[in-house]
C-alpha atoms as a PDB file:
ATOM      1  CA  ALA A   1     -84.420 102.362-125.311  1.00  0.00           C
ATOM      2  CA  ASP A   2     -84.223 106.162-125.276  1.00  0.00           C
ATOM      3  CA  GLN A   3     -84.850 106.218-129.021  1.00  0.00           C
ATOM      4  CA  VAL A   4     -87.984 104.106-128.530  1.00  0.00           C
ATOM      5  CA  ARG A   5     -89.328 106.596-125.973  1.00  0.00           C
ATOM      6  CA  GLN A   6     -88.377 109.515-128.225  1.00  0.00           C
ATOM      7  CA  LEU A   7     -90.307 108.064-131.180  1.00  0.00           C
ATOM      8  CA  MET A   8     -93.417 107.503-129.036  1.00  0.00           C
ATOM      9  CA  THR A   9     -93.190 111.045-127.672  1.00  0.00           C
ATOM     10  CA  GLU A  10     -92.928 112.421-131.201  1.00  0.00           C
ATOM     11  CA  LEU A  11     -95.905 110.331-132.331  1.00  0.00           C
ATOM     12  CA  HIS A  12     -98.076 111.800-129.562  1.00  0.00           C
ATOM     13  CA  SER A  13     -96.839 115.346-130.078  1.00  0.00           C
ATOM     14  CA  ARG A  14     -97.956 115.302-133.716  1.00  0.00           C
ATOM     15  CA  SER A  15    -101.619 114.604-132.990  1.00  0.00           C
ATOM     16  CA  GLU A  16    -103.691 117.569-131.911  1.00  0.00           C
ATOM     17  CA  LEU A  17    -106.815 115.464-132.497  1.00  0.00           C
ATOM     18  CA  TYR A  18    -105.615 112.828-130.024  1.00  0.00           C
ATOM     19  CA  ARG A  19    -104.871 115.457-127.383  1.00  0.00           C
ATOM     20  CA  ARG A  20    -108.376 116.902-127.771  1.00  0.00           C
ATOM     21  CA  SER A  21    -110.398 113.706-128.065  1.00  0.00           C
ATOM     22  CA  ARG A  22    -108.316 110.769-126.765  1.00  0.00           C
ATOM     23  CA  GLY A  23    -110.449 108.802-129.236  1.00  0.00           C
ATOM     24  CA  VAL A  24    -108.136 108.181-132.187  1.00  0.00           C
ATOM     25  CA  HIS A  25    -105.118 106.051-132.980  1.00  0.00           C
ATOM     26  CA  ASN A  26    -101.850 107.492-134.219  1.00  0.00           C
ATOM     27  CA  CYS A  27     -99.455 105.589-136.410  1.00  0.00           C
ATOM     28  CA  GLY A  28     -96.107 106.485-137.877  1.00  0.00           C
ATOM     29  CA  LEU A  29     -93.306 105.076-139.940  1.00  0.00           C
ATOM     30  CA  ALA A  30     -89.940 106.024-138.522  1.00  0.00           C
ATOM     31  CA  ASP A  31     -86.253 105.577-138.941  1.00  0.00           C
ATOM     32  CA  THR A  32     -84.162 105.378-135.775  1.00  0.00           C
ATOM     33  CA  GLU A  33     -84.321 109.145-135.267  1.00  0.00           C
ATOM     34  CA  LYS A  34     -87.709 110.523-136.320  1.00  0.00           C
ATOM     35  CA  ILE A  35     -91.205 109.864-137.634  1.00  0.00           C
ATOM     36  CA  LEU A  36     -91.177 110.032-141.435  1.00  0.00           C
ATOM     37  CA  ILE A  37     -94.866 109.399-142.192  1.00  0.00           C
ATOM     38  CA  PHE A  38     -97.728 110.112-139.762  1.00  0.00           C
ATOM     39  CA  CYS A  39    -101.438 109.198-139.852  1.00  0.00           C
ATOM     40  CA  THR A  40    -104.376 109.393-137.453  1.00  0.00           C
ATOM     41  CA  ASP A  41    -107.634 107.452-137.640  1.00  0.00           C
ATOM     42  CA  ILE A  42    -110.381 106.273-135.328  1.00  0.00           C
ATOM     43  CA  GLY A  43    -109.388 102.665-136.041  1.00  0.00           C
ATOM     44  CA  ARG A  44    -105.947 101.246-135.365  1.00  0.00           C
ATOM     45  CA  HIS A  45    -106.083  99.040-138.469  1.00  0.00           C
ATOM     46  CA  ASN A  46    -107.038 102.008-140.627  1.00  0.00           C
ATOM     47  CA  ALA A  47    -104.137 104.064-139.295  1.00  0.00           C
ATOM     48  CA  VAL A  48    -101.686 101.257-140.099  1.00  0.00           C
ATOM     49  CA  ASP A  49    -103.234 100.772-143.553  1.00  0.00           C
ATOM     50  CA  MET A  50    -102.816 104.487-144.270  1.00  0.00           C
ATOM     51  CA  ILE A  51     -99.106 104.274-143.426  1.00  0.00           C
ATOM     52  CA  LEU A  52     -98.640 101.193-145.592  1.00  0.00           C
ATOM     53  CA  GLY A  53    -100.529 102.858-148.446  1.00  0.00           C
ATOM     54  CA  GLU A  54     -98.281 105.922-148.292  1.00  0.00           C
ATOM     55  CA  CYS A  55     -95.234 103.657-148.370  1.00  0.00           C
ATOM     56  CA  PHE A  56     -96.567 101.754-151.364  1.00  0.00           C
ATOM     57  CA  LEU A  57     -97.595 104.853-153.336  1.00  0.00           C
ATOM     58  CA  ASN A  58     -94.292 106.619-152.686  1.00  0.00           C
ATOM     59  CA  GLU A  59     -92.095 103.518-153.051  1.00  0.00           C
ATOM     60  CA  VAL A  60     -90.646 103.906-149.553  1.00  0.00           C
ATOM     61  CA  ASP A  61     -88.048 101.295-148.592  1.00  0.00           C
ATOM     62  CA  THR A  62     -89.426  99.914-145.335  1.00  0.00           C
ATOM     63  CA  THR A  63     -86.808  97.228-144.685  1.00  0.00           C
ATOM     64  CA  ASP A  64     -84.981  99.417-142.164  1.00  0.00           C
ATOM     65  CA  LYS A  65     -87.976 101.269-140.725  1.00  0.00           C
ATOM     66  CA  ILE A  66     -90.046 101.087-137.550  1.00  0.00           C
ATOM     67  CA  LEU A  67     -93.841 101.057-137.304  1.00  0.00           C
ATOM     68  CA  VAL A  68     -94.905 103.135-134.285  1.00  0.00           C
ATOM     69  CA  THR A  69     -98.520 102.973-133.139  1.00  0.00           C
ATOM     70  CA  THR A  70    -100.818 103.701-130.229  1.00  0.00           C
ATOM     71  CA  GLY A  71    -102.918 100.601-130.910  1.00  0.00           C
ATOM     72  CA  ARG A  72    -102.575  97.023-129.753  1.00  0.00           C
ATOM     73  CA  ILE A  73    -100.243  94.873-131.803  1.00  0.00           C
ATOM     74  CA  THR A  74    -102.423  92.021-132.992  1.00  0.00           C
ATOM     75  CA  SER A  75    -101.458  89.243-135.370  1.00  0.00           C
ATOM     76  CA  GLU A  76    -103.190  91.145-138.177  1.00  0.00           C
ATOM     77  CA  ILE A  77    -101.138  94.293-137.529  1.00  0.00           C
ATOM     78  CA  LEU A  78     -97.950  92.246-137.313  1.00  0.00           C
ATOM     79  CA  ILE A  79     -98.721  90.444-140.594  1.00  0.00           C
ATOM     80  CA  LYS A  80     -99.289  93.785-142.340  1.00  0.00           C
ATOM     81  CA  ALA A  81     -95.891  94.991-141.137  1.00  0.00           C
ATOM     82  CA  ALA A  82     -94.247  91.700-142.107  1.00  0.00           C
ATOM     83  CA  LYS A  83     -95.655  91.910-145.637  1.00  0.00           C
ATOM     84  CA  MET A  84     -94.031  95.330-145.944  1.00  0.00           C
ATOM     85  CA  GLN A  85     -90.786  93.918-144.474  1.00  0.00           C
ATOM     86  CA  ILE A  86     -90.882  96.324-141.525  1.00  0.00           C
ATOM     87  CA  PRO A  87     -88.628  94.655-138.920  1.00  0.00           C
ATOM     88  CA  MET A  88     -89.740  96.495-135.759  1.00  0.00           C
ATOM     89  CA  LEU A  89     -93.066  97.510-134.201  1.00  0.00           C
ATOM     90  CA  ILE A  90     -93.434  99.844-131.238  1.00  0.00           C
ATOM     91  CA  SER A  91     -96.717 100.460-129.428  1.00  0.00           C
ATOM     92  CA  ARG A  92     -98.059 102.350-126.464  1.00  0.00           C
ATOM     93  CA  SER A  93    -100.308  99.331-125.885  1.00  0.00           C
ATOM     94  CA  ALA A  94     -99.929  95.578-125.494  1.00  0.00           C
ATOM     95  CA  ALA A  95     -99.188  92.842-127.998  1.00  0.00           C
ATOM     96  CA  THR A  96    -101.280  89.698-128.283  1.00  0.00           C
ATOM     97  CA  SER A  97     -99.758  86.271-127.724  1.00  0.00           C
ATOM     98  CA  LEU A  98    -100.406  85.241-131.337  1.00  0.00           C
ATOM     99  CA  SER A  99     -98.611  88.337-132.632  1.00  0.00           C
ATOM    100  CA  LEU A 100     -95.632  87.480-130.433  1.00  0.00           C
ATOM    101  CA  ASP A 101     -95.542  83.901-131.700  1.00  0.00           C
ATOM    102  CA  LEU A 102     -95.497  85.270-135.246  1.00  0.00           C
ATOM    103  CA  ALA A 103     -92.886  87.904-134.392  1.00  0.00           C
ATOM    104  CA  ASN A 104     -90.569  85.262-132.983  1.00  0.00           C
ATOM    105  CA  SER A 105     -90.979  83.011-136.020  1.00  0.00           C
ATOM    106  CA  LEU A 106     -90.397  85.960-138.393  1.00  0.00           C
ATOM    107  CA  ASN A 107     -87.509  87.414-136.355  1.00  0.00           C
ATOM    108  CA  MET A 108     -89.335  90.712-135.823  1.00  0.00           C
ATOM    109  CA  THR A 109     -88.873  93.051-132.870  1.00  0.00           C
ATOM    110  CA  VAL A 110     -92.014  93.960-130.900  1.00  0.00           C
ATOM    111  CA  ILE A 111     -91.954  96.557-128.146  1.00  0.00           C
ATOM    112  CA  GLY A 112     -95.047  97.477-126.162  1.00  0.00           C
ATOM    113  CA  TYR A 113     -96.245  99.534-123.236  1.00  0.00           C
ATOM    114  CA  VAL A 114     -94.073 102.488-124.180  1.00  0.00           C
ATOM    115  CA  ARG A 115     -95.460 104.861-121.562  1.00  0.00           C
ATOM    116  CA  GLY A 116     -93.638 107.348-119.441  1.00  0.00           C
ATOM    117  CA  GLY A 117     -90.236 105.910-118.700  1.00  0.00           C
ATOM    118  CA  SER A 118     -91.032 102.260-119.276  1.00  0.00           C
ATOM    119  CA  ILE A 119     -90.922  99.921-122.249  1.00  0.00           C
ATOM    120  CA  LEU A 120     -91.582  96.210-122.588  1.00  0.00           C
ATOM    121  CA  ALA A 121     -89.477  94.391-125.192  1.00  0.00           C
ATOM    122  CA  TYR A 122     -91.575  91.347-126.057  1.00  0.00           C
ATOM    123  CA  SER A 123     -89.324  90.004-128.795  1.00  0.00           C
ATOM    124  CA  GLY A 124     -86.071  91.044-130.413  1.00  0.00           C
ATOM    125  CA  ALA A 125     -84.712  92.813-127.331  1.00  0.00           C
ATOM    126  CA  GLU A 126     -81.223  92.167-128.683  1.00  0.00           C
ATOM    127  CA  ASN A 127     -82.007  94.702-131.431  1.00  0.00           C
ATOM    128  CA  LEU A 128     -82.365  97.555-128.932  1.00  0.00           C
ATOM    129  CA  ILE A 129     -79.537  99.929-128.242  1.00  0.00           C
ATOM    130  CA  CYS A 130     -79.760 100.979-124.590  1.00  0.00           C
END
């Protein structure tokens, strides 16, 4: 759980634009220790697409990575991660019920509401190291 909080803190610390405007979404691809790829965009889908594009162009192995975002985890976001075989999604925001149904059927870990000292493990809580 501490690693989840650490990744969210790092995601926020990288975005000067977010700190100034509070009007953009941040997204990162991480391993268990740090953010490896970082993008910011006004749209949460665009930010995720930028991460996935970087992974594709640079042939990044995503099977052991974590998608960290400030946006809601919708079914569309979850499907994008699943297509890239990213097993875990972490968000500052909520996850929709459809995304959680999909996550459970695909055996993906979804963690939301990572704010301050709290986290909400929607699915795959057994994959967290506390």
